[in-house]
């Protein structure tokens, strides 16, 4: 008789432990998340919506030996916040010059191996060049709106 009682108590402990574990994992009953957390989140200030600053069109000539064989045009926008917009607008001429200077040497090297330009690589490259030129933190990312390639 005592063995049966011990087995029943052990089974009850195992079942109770399993039920508690399931309730914790599913976050139900006494383990449910509190509603107060949602109230605290609503007190946080709303993040500023992003702004997109258009840049001048970047016209990159493509040379073969000493002749221009085509041009590539990039329409670029920079994502920033309203608080950083004025500082970024002041730095746009420097940034445009840095982008054109870098792309004039980079694009012909890429086109030797491929027929087209990978915009994701260009986007990452412009991000790095921009942060080196004007410092990190003035813009969040570079957006390439369009790329057009013209052969002469």
Protein backbone atom coordinates (compact mmCIF):
# COMPACT_ATOMS: atom_id res chain seq x y z
CA UNK A 1 0.00 0.00 0.00
CA UNK A 2 2.79 2.43 0.85
CA UNK A 3 4.39 1.82 -2.55
CA UNK A 4 1.18 2.83 -4.30
CA UNK A 5 1.02 6.07 -2.32
CA UNK A 6 4.64 6.88 -3.19
CA UNK A 7 3.99 6.17 -6.89
CA UNK A 8 0.83 8.31 -6.89
CA UNK A 9 2.63 11.22 -5.15
CA UNK A 10 5.58 10.96 -7.58
CA UNK A 11 3.20 10.90 -10.56
CA UNK A 12 1.37 13.93 -9.17
CA UNK A 13 4.65 15.84 -8.76
CA UNK A 14 5.73 15.00 -12.33
CA UNK A 15 2.33 16.04 -13.77
CA UNK A 16 2.25 19.26 -11.72
CA UNK A 17 5.79 20.13 -12.81
CA UNK A 18 4.89 19.47 -16.45
CA UNK A 19 1.77 21.62 -16.18
CA UNK A 20 3.73 24.48 -14.61
CA UNK A 21 6.37 24.24 -17.33
CA UNK A 22 3.75 24.32 -20.09
CA UNK A 23 2.05 27.32 -18.48
CA UNK A 24 5.38 29.17 -18.31
CA UNK A 25 6.24 28.43 -21.93
CA UNK A 26 2.80 29.43 -23.22
CA UNK A 27 2.63 32.42 -20.85
CA UNK A 28 -0.82 31.61 -19.54
CA UNK A 29 -2.35 31.74 -16.08
CA UNK A 30 -0.11 33.28 -13.41
CA UNK A 31 2.76 33.43 -15.93
CA UNK A 32 0.94 35.69 -18.41
CA UNK A 33 2.65 38.95 -19.37
CA UNK A 34 1.39 41.99 -17.53
CA UNK A 35 -0.69 44.65 -19.30
CA UNK A 36 1.33 47.36 -17.54
CA UNK A 37 4.26 46.73 -19.88
CA UNK A 38 2.15 47.93 -22.80
CA UNK A 39 1.30 51.12 -20.90
CA UNK A 40 5.00 51.84 -20.33
CA UNK A 41 5.69 51.40 -24.05
CA UNK A 42 3.04 53.98 -24.91
CA UNK A 43 4.85 56.57 -22.74
CA UNK A 44 7.99 56.39 -24.92
CA UNK A 45 8.37 59.24 -27.40
CA UNK A 46 7.38 58.48 -30.96
CA UNK A 47 10.37 58.06 -33.27
CA UNK A 48 10.84 60.67 -35.95
CA UNK A 49 9.73 59.50 -39.40
CA UNK A 50 12.58 59.20 -41.88
CA UNK A 51 13.24 61.88 -44.47
CA UNK A 52 14.68 61.20 -47.89
CA UNK A 53 17.02 63.87 -49.22
CA UNK A 54 17.48 63.70 -53.01
CA UNK A 55 20.96 64.27 -54.35
CA UNK A 56 22.00 65.60 -57.74
CA UNK A 57 22.17 62.95 -60.44
CA UNK A 58 25.53 61.22 -60.42
CA UNK A 59 26.77 60.98 -64.04
CA UNK A 60 29.71 58.62 -64.33
CA UNK A 61 31.56 58.43 -67.67
CA UNK A 62 32.85 55.02 -68.70
CA UNK A 63 36.15 55.04 -70.55
CA UNK A 64 37.74 52.41 -72.76
CA UNK A 65 41.36 53.35 -73.43
CA UNK A 66 41.08 57.12 -74.05
CA UNK A 67 37.52 57.22 -75.33
CA UNK A 68 34.21 57.60 -73.56
CA UNK A 69 32.15 54.53 -74.42
CA UNK A 70 29.13 55.29 -72.26
CA UNK A 71 27.72 56.91 -69.16
CA UNK A 72 25.93 55.60 -66.12
CA UNK A 73 23.48 57.78 -64.20
CA UNK A 74 22.54 57.16 -60.58
CA UNK A 75 19.54 58.78 -58.89
CA UNK A 76 20.41 58.69 -55.19
CA UNK A 77 18.55 59.67 -52.02
CA UNK A 78 19.81 59.71 -48.45
CA UNK A 79 17.64 58.58 -45.55
CA UNK A 80 17.92 60.77 -42.46
CA UNK A 81 15.80 62.24 -39.66
CA UNK A 82 14.36 65.77 -39.56
CA UNK A 83 16.76 66.79 -36.78
CA UNK A 84 19.80 65.92 -38.95
CA UNK A 85 18.37 67.17 -42.24
CA UNK A 86 19.89 70.67 -42.19
CA UNK A 87 23.39 69.42 -41.38
CA UNK A 88 23.13 66.85 -44.15
CA UNK A 89 21.94 69.44 -46.69
CA UNK A 90 24.99 71.56 -45.84
CA UNK A 91 27.27 68.59 -46.58
CA UNK A 92 25.64 67.50 -49.86
CA UNK A 93 28.21 69.19 -52.19
CA UNK A 94 31.11 67.43 -50.44
CA UNK A 95 29.21 64.18 -50.46
CA UNK A 96 28.32 64.43 -54.16
CA UNK A 97 31.95 65.12 -55.03
CA UNK A 98 33.16 62.15 -52.96
CA UNK A 99 30.59 59.82 -54.58
CA UNK A 100 31.50 60.89 -58.12
CA UNK A 101 35.24 60.69 -57.44
CA UNK A 102 34.95 57.16 -56.09
CA UNK A 103 32.52 55.86 -58.71
CA UNK A 104 34.59 57.25 -61.61
CA UNK A 105 37.39 54.87 -60.68
CA UNK A 106 35.25 51.98 -59.42
CA UNK A 107 32.62 51.60 -62.19
CA UNK A 108 35.07 50.96 -65.08
CA UNK A 109 36.76 48.22 -63.04
CA UNK A 110 33.42 46.53 -62.43
CA UNK A 111 32.35 46.79 -66.06
CA UNK A 112 35.52 45.05 -67.23
CA UNK A 113 34.30 41.83 -65.60
CA UNK A 114 30.52 42.24 -65.90
CA UNK A 115 28.06 43.89 -68.27
CA UNK A 116 25.99 45.55 -65.57
CA UNK A 117 26.40 47.16 -62.17
CA UNK A 118 25.21 45.51 -58.94
CA UNK A 119 23.24 48.21 -57.12
CA UNK A 120 23.55 46.52 -53.71
CA UNK A 121 27.33 46.70 -53.86
CA UNK A 122 27.20 50.31 -55.05
CA UNK A 123 24.79 51.15 -52.24
CA UNK A 124 27.09 49.69 -49.58
CA UNK A 125 30.10 51.39 -51.16
CA UNK A 126 28.37 54.79 -51.16
CA UNK A 127 27.40 54.27 -47.52
CA UNK A 128 31.04 53.71 -46.57
CA UNK A 129 32.29 56.64 -48.67
CA UNK A 130 29.63 58.92 -47.18
CA UNK A 131 30.52 58.03 -43.60
CA UNK A 132 34.21 58.60 -44.32
CA UNK A 133 33.53 61.96 -45.95
CA UNK A 134 31.07 63.62 -43.58
CA UNK A 135 31.30 61.36 -40.55
CA UNK A 136 28.96 58.68 -39.26
CA UNK A 137 25.48 59.49 -38.01
CA UNK A 138 24.25 62.17 -40.44
CA UNK A 139 22.37 59.71 -42.63
CA UNK A 140 21.05 56.22 -42.05
CA UNK A 141 21.32 54.67 -45.48
CA UNK A 142 21.83 55.36 -49.16
CA UNK A 143 18.92 54.59 -51.48
CA UNK A 144 19.56 54.11 -55.19
CA UNK A 145 16.31 55.16 -56.83
CA UNK A 146 17.32 54.39 -60.42
CA UNK A 147 20.30 53.44 -62.55
CA UNK A 148 20.45 54.08 -66.26
CA UNK A 149 23.25 52.94 -68.51
CA UNK A 150 23.85 54.53 -71.91
CA UNK A 151 26.37 53.34 -74.45
CA UNK A 152 27.73 55.71 -77.07
